[in-house]
């Protein structure tokens, strides 16, 4: 089996003054390459912490995490940043775009961080065309609708051809019609590119569009 994500017995303990808070309590899961999964759980269940671990934004206190064949649980911050930039594309509820820069510049950012100069603009333009925004490359976020801004964010997420896309409530700031359009886009990109898609969501409609739902409660994965 070709697993792109393998997490085993991951724990995460946060220090809150003199108190230890256990956000993950032996979480284990595997995700196949090209799979579309939803992560669901009540507030405080540990799903945001789990997303941070899977997206290499943080490292577990203990346990093992293998991303795209590479063990990352014990990497330092600089090493994590390199892995994150090359292997993970992020899509956030709030888009997280640079408001004074064009759509093209926003999508170029991961390539800039990777040190890629050759054909950078062409690659970013192709990503924008893939999400249906080839005619909006010079527009700034303030000149785009919410749905278009999320499309720019998705183009930025796919521009480095990552192993996984982590989407955190990707339709949360959109009305239901536009939210459905964004889900169709994400699922089409999965079919066309084979990119693994991991969606953190509260929305049952969004979860129903995925191939599998991973539920987390009290820091433990329940499938």
C-alpha atoms as a PDB file:
ATOM      1  CA  UNK A   1       0.000   0.000   0.000  1.00  0.00           C
ATOM      2  CA  UNK A   2       1.323   3.437  -0.961  1.00  0.00           C
ATOM      3  CA  UNK A   3       0.759   5.537   2.161  1.00  0.00           C
ATOM      4  CA  UNK A   4       1.512   9.247   1.890  1.00  0.00           C
ATOM      5  CA  UNK A   5       0.680   9.845   5.578  1.00  0.00           C
ATOM      6  CA  UNK A   6       1.600   7.437   8.382  1.00  0.00           C
ATOM      7  CA  UNK A   7       1.163   8.603  11.961  1.00  0.00           C
ATOM      8  CA  UNK A   8       1.660   6.205  14.867  1.00  0.00           C
ATOM      9  CA  UNK A   9       0.933   6.877  18.538  1.00  0.00           C
ATOM     10  CA  UNK A  10       1.418  10.632  18.230  1.00  0.00           C
ATOM     11  CA  UNK A  11       1.042  12.648  21.411  1.00  0.00           C
ATOM     12  CA  UNK A  12       1.157  16.397  21.893  1.00  0.00           C
ATOM     13  CA  UNK A  13       1.483  18.012  25.301  1.00  0.00           C
ATOM     14  CA  UNK A  14       1.305  21.775  25.719  1.00  0.00           C
ATOM     15  CA  UNK A  15       2.671  23.536  28.786  1.00  0.00           C
ATOM     16  CA  UNK A  16       0.098  25.979  30.191  1.00  0.00           C
ATOM     17  CA  UNK A  17       1.972  27.457  33.117  1.00  0.00           C
ATOM     18  CA  UNK A  18       2.413  24.609  35.567  1.00  0.00           C
ATOM     19  CA  UNK A  19      -0.295  22.509  33.885  1.00  0.00           C
ATOM     20  CA  UNK A  20       0.286  19.992  31.072  1.00  0.00           C
ATOM     21  CA  UNK A  21      -2.515  19.887  28.486  1.00  0.00           C
ATOM     22  CA  UNK A  22      -2.667  16.703  26.400  1.00  0.00           C
ATOM     23  CA  UNK A  23      -4.001  17.720  22.972  1.00  0.00           C
ATOM     24  CA  UNK A  24      -3.169  14.419  21.251  1.00  0.00           C
ATOM     25  CA  UNK A  25      -3.235  11.146  23.146  1.00  0.00           C
ATOM     26  CA  UNK A  26      -1.734   8.416  20.976  1.00  0.00           C
ATOM     27  CA  UNK A  27      -3.290   9.382  17.643  1.00  0.00           C
ATOM     28  CA  UNK A  28      -2.625   6.942  14.792  1.00  0.00           C
ATOM     29  CA  UNK A  29      -3.801   7.050  11.176  1.00  0.00           C
ATOM     30  CA  UNK A  30      -2.779   6.254   7.614  1.00  0.00           C
ATOM     31  CA  UNK A  31      -3.837   8.024   4.416  1.00  0.00           C
ATOM     32  CA  UNK A  32      -3.294   6.584   0.949  1.00  0.00           C
ATOM     33  CA  UNK A  33      -1.692   8.586  -1.825  1.00  0.00           C
ATOM     34  CA  UNK A  34      -4.431  10.293  -3.834  1.00  0.00           C
ATOM     35  CA  UNK A  35      -7.084   9.783  -1.162  1.00  0.00           C
ATOM     36  CA  UNK A  36      -9.629  12.438  -0.160  1.00  0.00           C
ATOM     37  CA  UNK A  37     -10.349  12.422   3.569  1.00  0.00           C
ATOM     38  CA  UNK A  38     -12.178  14.636   6.050  1.00  0.00           C
ATOM     39  CA  UNK A  39     -11.071  15.151   9.642  1.00  0.00           C
ATOM     40  CA  UNK A  40     -13.978  15.879  11.959  1.00  0.00           C
ATOM     41  CA  UNK A  41     -14.368  16.296  15.690  1.00  0.00           C
ATOM     42  CA  UNK A  42     -15.959  18.547  18.302  1.00  0.00           C
ATOM     43  CA  UNK A  43     -14.237  21.694  19.557  1.00  0.00           C
ATOM     44  CA  UNK A  44     -11.298  20.763  21.754  1.00  0.00           C
ATOM     45  CA  UNK A  45     -11.057  17.274  20.271  1.00  0.00           C
ATOM     46  CA  UNK A  46      -7.527  17.790  18.977  1.00  0.00           C
ATOM     47  CA  UNK A  47      -8.279  18.132  15.266  1.00  0.00           C
ATOM     48  CA  UNK A  48      -6.460  21.470  14.873  1.00  0.00           C
ATOM     49  CA  UNK A  49      -3.443  20.002  16.666  1.00  0.00           C
ATOM     50  CA  UNK A  50      -3.608  16.937  14.429  1.00  0.00           C
ATOM     51  CA  UNK A  51      -3.763  19.176  11.352  1.00  0.00           C
ATOM     52  CA  UNK A  52      -0.689  21.075  12.569  1.00  0.00           C
ATOM     53  CA  UNK A  53       1.180  17.796  12.951  1.00  0.00           C
ATOM     54  CA  UNK A  54       0.146  16.421   9.542  1.00  0.00           C
ATOM     55  CA  UNK A  55       0.967  19.748   7.875  1.00  0.00           C
ATOM     56  CA  UNK A  56       4.403  19.960   9.558  1.00  0.00           C
ATOM     57  CA  UNK A  57       3.465  23.205  11.314  1.00  0.00           C
ATOM     58  CA  UNK A  58       4.435  21.549  14.594  1.00  0.00           C
ATOM     59  CA  UNK A  59       5.995  18.317  15.780  1.00  0.00           C
ATOM     60  CA  UNK A  60       4.568  15.699  18.157  1.00  0.00           C
ATOM     61  CA  UNK A  61       5.816  15.365  21.720  1.00  0.00           C
ATOM     62  CA  UNK A  62       6.211  11.654  21.049  1.00  0.00           C
ATOM     63  CA  UNK A  63       5.272   9.146  18.381  1.00  0.00           C
ATOM     64  CA  UNK A  64       6.125   8.736  14.730  1.00  0.00           C
ATOM     65  CA  UNK A  65       5.065  10.680  11.644  1.00  0.00           C
ATOM     66  CA  UNK A  66       6.117   9.721   8.120  1.00  0.00           C
ATOM     67  CA  UNK A  67       5.138  12.096   5.297  1.00  0.00           C
ATOM     68  CA  UNK A  68       5.662  10.947   1.726  1.00  0.00           C
ATOM     69  CA  UNK A  69       8.179   8.357   2.882  1.00  0.00           C
ATOM     70  CA  UNK A  70      10.187  10.708   5.112  1.00  0.00           C
ATOM     71  CA  UNK A  71      10.214  10.595   8.913  1.00  0.00           C
ATOM     72  CA  UNK A  72       9.542  14.149  10.100  1.00  0.00           C
ATOM     73  CA  UNK A  73       8.605  13.816  13.780  1.00  0.00           C
ATOM     74  CA  UNK A  74      12.062  14.741  15.058  1.00  0.00           C
ATOM     75  CA  UNK A  75      13.080  17.403  12.516  1.00  0.00           C
ATOM     76  CA  UNK A  76      14.038  20.879  13.706  1.00  0.00           C
ATOM     77  CA  UNK A  77      12.148  24.041  12.722  1.00  0.00           C
ATOM     78  CA  UNK A  78      14.269  24.791   9.656  1.00  0.00           C
ATOM     79  CA  UNK A  79      13.994  21.219   8.387  1.00  0.00           C
ATOM     80  CA  UNK A  80      10.236  21.242   8.984  1.00  0.00           C
ATOM     81  CA  UNK A  81       9.913  24.488   7.007  1.00  0.00           C
ATOM     82  CA  UNK A  82      11.668  22.909   4.015  1.00  0.00           C
ATOM     83  CA  UNK A  83       9.463  19.796   4.140  1.00  0.00           C
ATOM     84  CA  UNK A  84       6.356  21.945   4.570  1.00  0.00           C
ATOM     85  CA  UNK A  85       7.177  24.125   1.580  1.00  0.00           C
ATOM     86  CA  UNK A  86       7.865  21.199  -0.729  1.00  0.00           C
ATOM     87  CA  UNK A  87       5.346  18.596   0.392  1.00  0.00           C
ATOM     88  CA  UNK A  88       2.325  20.463   1.821  1.00  0.00           C
ATOM     89  CA  UNK A  89      -0.080  22.942   0.259  1.00  0.00           C
ATOM     90  CA  UNK A  90      -2.342  24.864   2.644  1.00  0.00           C
ATOM     91  CA  UNK A  91      -5.833  26.245   2.059  1.00  0.00           C
ATOM     92  CA  UNK A  92      -7.302  28.246   4.939  1.00  0.00           C
ATOM     93  CA  UNK A  93     -10.779  29.494   5.769  1.00  0.00           C
ATOM     94  CA  UNK A  94      -9.554  33.110   5.740  1.00  0.00           C
ATOM     95  CA  UNK A  95      -7.596  32.747   2.442  1.00  0.00           C
ATOM     96  CA  UNK A  96      -4.393  34.323   3.952  1.00  0.00           C
ATOM     97  CA  UNK A  97      -3.502  36.317   0.828  1.00  0.00           C
ATOM     98  CA  UNK A  98      -1.259  39.388   0.668  1.00  0.00           C
ATOM     99  CA  UNK A  99      -3.840  42.095   0.033  1.00  0.00           C
ATOM    100  CA  UNK A 100      -1.513  44.531  -1.757  1.00  0.00           C
ATOM    101  CA  UNK A 101      -0.078  41.966  -4.150  1.00  0.00           C
ATOM    102  CA  UNK A 102      -1.531  40.495  -7.325  1.00  0.00           C
ATOM    103  CA  UNK A 103      -2.983  37.019  -7.597  1.00  0.00           C
ATOM    104  CA  UNK A 104       0.105  36.004  -9.579  1.00  0.00           C
ATOM    105  CA  UNK A 105       2.496  37.247  -6.881  1.00  0.00           C
ATOM    106  CA  UNK A 106       0.522  35.427  -4.163  1.00  0.00           C
ATOM    107  CA  UNK A 107       0.712  32.155  -6.080  1.00  0.00           C
ATOM    108  CA  UNK A 108       4.432  32.638  -6.764  1.00  0.00           C
ATOM    109  CA  UNK A 109       5.267  32.799  -3.046  1.00  0.00           C
ATOM    110  CA  UNK A 110       5.899  29.064  -2.430  1.00  0.00           C
ATOM    111  CA  UNK A 111       8.153  29.018  -5.492  1.00  0.00           C
ATOM    112  CA  UNK A 112      10.086  32.023  -4.171  1.00  0.00           C
ATOM    113  CA  UNK A 113      10.548  30.284  -0.809  1.00  0.00           C
ATOM    114  CA  UNK A 114      11.799  27.208  -2.665  1.00  0.00           C
ATOM    115  CA  UNK A 115      14.417  29.299  -4.459  1.00  0.00           C
ATOM    116  CA  UNK A 116      12.849  28.640  -7.867  1.00  0.00           C
ATOM    117  CA  UNK A 117      13.502  31.454 -10.339  1.00  0.00           C
ATOM    118  CA  UNK A 118      13.285  29.811 -13.726  1.00  0.00           C
ATOM    119  CA  UNK A 119       9.788  29.869 -15.244  1.00  0.00           C
ATOM    120  CA  UNK A 120       8.339  30.927 -11.877  1.00  0.00           C
ATOM    121  CA  UNK A 121       5.750  33.271 -13.355  1.00  0.00           C
ATOM    122  CA  UNK A 122       4.744  30.715 -15.985  1.00  0.00           C
ATOM    123  CA  UNK A 123       4.272  27.990 -13.377  1.00  0.00           C
ATOM    124  CA  UNK A 124       2.204  30.318 -11.163  1.00  0.00           C
ATOM    125  CA  UNK A 125       0.107  31.420 -14.149  1.00  0.00           C
ATOM    126  CA  UNK A 126      -0.554  27.765 -15.043  1.00  0.00           C
ATOM    127  CA  UNK A 127      -1.751  27.125 -11.478  1.00  0.00           C
ATOM    128  CA  UNK A 128      -4.151  30.070 -11.704  1.00  0.00           C
ATOM    129  CA  UNK A 129      -5.414  28.790 -15.048  1.00  0.00           C
ATOM    130  CA  UNK A 130      -5.989  25.372 -13.445  1.00  0.00           C
ATOM    131  CA  UNK A 131      -8.408  26.979 -10.958  1.00  0.00           C
ATOM    132  CA  UNK A 132     -10.172  29.055 -13.601  1.00  0.00           C
ATOM    133  CA  UNK A 133      -8.481  32.407 -12.911  1.00  0.00           C
ATOM    134  CA  UNK A 134      -6.236  32.801 -15.930  1.00  0.00           C
ATOM    135  CA  UNK A 135      -7.897  36.153 -16.658  1.00  0.00           C
ATOM    136  CA  UNK A 136      -7.423  37.489 -13.105  1.00  0.00           C
ATOM    137  CA  UNK A 137      -3.677  37.174 -12.632  1.00  0.00           C
ATOM    138  CA  UNK A 138      -3.084  40.919 -12.201  1.00  0.00           C
ATOM    139  CA  UNK A 139      -6.028  41.447  -9.829  1.00  0.00           C
ATOM    140  CA  UNK A 140      -5.444  42.035  -6.119  1.00  0.00           C
ATOM    141  CA  UNK A 141      -7.505  40.206  -3.458  1.00  0.00           C
ATOM    142  CA  UNK A 142      -9.631  43.329  -2.833  1.00  0.00           C
ATOM    143  CA  UNK A 143     -10.668  43.172  -6.496  1.00  0.00           C
ATOM    144  CA  UNK A 144     -11.796  39.546  -6.230  1.00  0.00           C
ATOM    145  CA  UNK A 145     -14.845  37.854  -4.734  1.00  0.00           C
ATOM    146  CA  UNK A 146     -14.509  35.495  -1.781  1.00  0.00           C
ATOM    147  CA  UNK A 147     -14.749  32.487  -4.066  1.00  0.00           C
ATOM    148  CA  UNK A 148     -12.088  33.896  -6.378  1.00  0.00           C
ATOM    149  CA  UNK A 149      -9.804  34.613  -3.424  1.00  0.00           C
ATOM    150  CA  UNK A 150     -10.151  31.003  -2.301  1.00  0.00           C
ATOM    151  CA  UNK A 151      -9.293  29.887  -5.837  1.00  0.00           C
ATOM    152  CA  UNK A 152      -6.104  31.973  -5.643  1.00  0.00           C
ATOM    153  CA  UNK A 153      -5.324  30.261  -2.329  1.00  0.00           C
ATOM    154  CA  UNK A 154      -5.883  26.858  -3.932  1.00  0.00           C
ATOM    155  CA  UNK A 155      -3.614  27.791  -6.850  1.00  0.00           C
ATOM    156  CA  UNK A 156      -0.942  28.788  -4.314  1.00  0.00           C
ATOM    157  CA  UNK A 157      -1.420  25.422  -2.563  1.00  0.00           C
ATOM    158  CA  UNK A 158      -0.897  23.363  -5.747  1.00  0.00           C
ATOM    159  CA  UNK A 159       1.879  25.406  -7.396  1.00  0.00           C
ATOM    160  CA  UNK A 160       4.694  23.315  -5.857  1.00  0.00           C
ATOM    161  CA  UNK A 161       2.920  20.046  -6.743  1.00  0.00           C
ATOM    162  CA  UNK A 162       2.785  18.997  -3.060  1.00  0.00           C
ATOM    163  CA  UNK A 163       2.272  15.486  -1.740  1.00  0.00           C
ATOM    164  CA  UNK A 164      -0.780  16.639   0.259  1.00  0.00           C
ATOM    165  CA  UNK A 165      -3.136  19.590   0.413  1.00  0.00           C
ATOM    166  CA  UNK A 166      -4.327  20.504   3.906  1.00  0.00           C
ATOM    167  CA  UNK A 167      -7.607  22.431   3.688  1.00  0.00           C
ATOM    168  CA  UNK A 168      -8.823  23.936   6.975  1.00  0.00           C
ATOM    169  CA  UNK A 169     -12.553  24.768   6.685  1.00  0.00           C
ATOM    170  CA  UNK A 170     -12.021  25.794   3.023  1.00  0.00           C
ATOM    171  CA  UNK A 171     -15.694  26.722   2.527  1.00  0.00           C
ATOM    172  CA  UNK A 172     -16.229  28.271   5.975  1.00  0.00           C
ATOM    173  CA  UNK A 173     -16.225  31.919   4.799  1.00  0.00           C
ATOM    174  CA  UNK A 174     -18.239  31.290   1.635  1.00  0.00           C
ATOM    175  CA  UNK A 175     -21.955  31.052   0.945  1.00  0.00           C
ATOM    176  CA  UNK A 176     -23.321  27.598   0.171  1.00  0.00           C
ATOM    177  CA  UNK A 177     -23.323  27.995  -3.630  1.00  0.00           C
ATOM    178  CA  UNK A 178     -19.719  29.201  -3.808  1.00  0.00           C
ATOM    179  CA  UNK A 179     -18.714  26.639  -1.196  1.00  0.00           C
ATOM    180  CA  UNK A 180     -20.031  23.867  -3.432  1.00  0.00           C
ATOM    181  CA  UNK A 181     -18.060  25.305  -6.363  1.00  0.00           C
ATOM    182  CA  UNK A 182     -14.870  25.265  -4.288  1.00  0.00           C
ATOM    183  CA  UNK A 183     -15.471  21.643  -3.282  1.00  0.00           C
ATOM    184  CA  UNK A 184     -15.995  20.679  -6.927  1.00  0.00           C
ATOM    185  CA  UNK A 185     -12.732  22.423  -7.797  1.00  0.00           C
ATOM    186  CA  UNK A 186     -10.780  20.655  -5.044  1.00  0.00           C
ATOM    187  CA  UNK A 187     -12.193  17.257  -5.980  1.00  0.00           C
ATOM    188  CA  UNK A 188     -11.435  17.846  -9.677  1.00  0.00           C
ATOM    189  CA  UNK A 189      -7.849  18.764  -8.842  1.00  0.00           C
ATOM    190  CA  UNK A 190      -7.600  15.533  -6.868  1.00  0.00           C
ATOM    191  CA  UNK A 191      -8.850  13.533  -9.852  1.00  0.00           C
ATOM    192  CA  UNK A 192      -6.680  15.324 -12.387  1.00  0.00           C
ATOM    193  CA  UNK A 193      -3.445  15.546 -10.385  1.00  0.00           C
ATOM    194  CA  UNK A 194      -3.805  12.704  -7.883  1.00  0.00           C
ATOM    195  CA  UNK A 195      -2.993  15.088  -5.016  1.00  0.00           C
ATOM    196  CA  UNK A 196      -3.940  13.763  -1.592  1.00  0.00           C
ATOM    197  CA  UNK A 197      -6.580  16.022  -0.047  1.00  0.00           C
ATOM    198  CA  UNK A 198      -7.072  16.307   3.720  1.00  0.00           C
ATOM    199  CA  UNK A 199      -9.990  18.542   4.741  1.00  0.00           C
ATOM    200  CA  UNK A 200     -10.623  19.666   8.318  1.00  0.00           C
ATOM    201  CA  UNK A 201     -14.295  20.565   8.533  1.00  0.00           C
ATOM    202  CA  UNK A 202     -17.390  20.918  10.698  1.00  0.00           C
ATOM    203  CA  UNK A 203     -19.646  20.795   7.622  1.00  0.00           C
ATOM    204  CA  UNK A 204     -21.373  17.427   7.023  1.00  0.00           C
ATOM    205  CA  UNK A 205     -21.933  18.344   3.344  1.00  0.00           C
ATOM    206  CA  UNK A 206     -18.191  18.846   2.831  1.00  0.00           C
ATOM    207  CA  UNK A 207     -17.365  15.625   4.693  1.00  0.00           C
ATOM    208  CA  UNK A 208     -19.875  13.685   2.588  1.00  0.00           C
ATOM    209  CA  UNK A 209     -17.958  14.634  -0.570  1.00  0.00           C
ATOM    210  CA  UNK A 210     -14.815  12.873   0.661  1.00  0.00           C
ATOM    211  CA  UNK A 211     -13.904   9.202   0.400  1.00  0.00           C
ATOM    212  CA  UNK A 212     -13.382   8.693   4.121  1.00  0.00           C
ATOM    213  CA  UNK A 213     -14.088  10.498   7.378  1.00  0.00           C
ATOM    214  CA  UNK A 214     -11.489  10.410  10.154  1.00  0.00           C
ATOM    215  CA  UNK A 215     -13.018  11.354  13.495  1.00  0.00           C
ATOM    216  CA  UNK A 216     -11.015  12.523  16.477  1.00  0.00           C
ATOM    217  CA  UNK A 217     -12.189  12.787  20.056  1.00  0.00           C
ATOM    218  CA  UNK A 218     -10.176  13.540  23.196  1.00  0.00           C
ATOM    219  CA  UNK A 219      -6.973  13.450  21.178  1.00  0.00           C
ATOM    220  CA  UNK A 220      -7.584   9.926  19.843  1.00  0.00           C
ATOM    221  CA  UNK A 221      -8.461   9.031  16.252  1.00  0.00           C
ATOM    222  CA  UNK A 222     -11.741   7.126  15.874  1.00  0.00           C
ATOM    223  CA  UNK A 223     -12.423   5.824  12.370  1.00  0.00           C
END
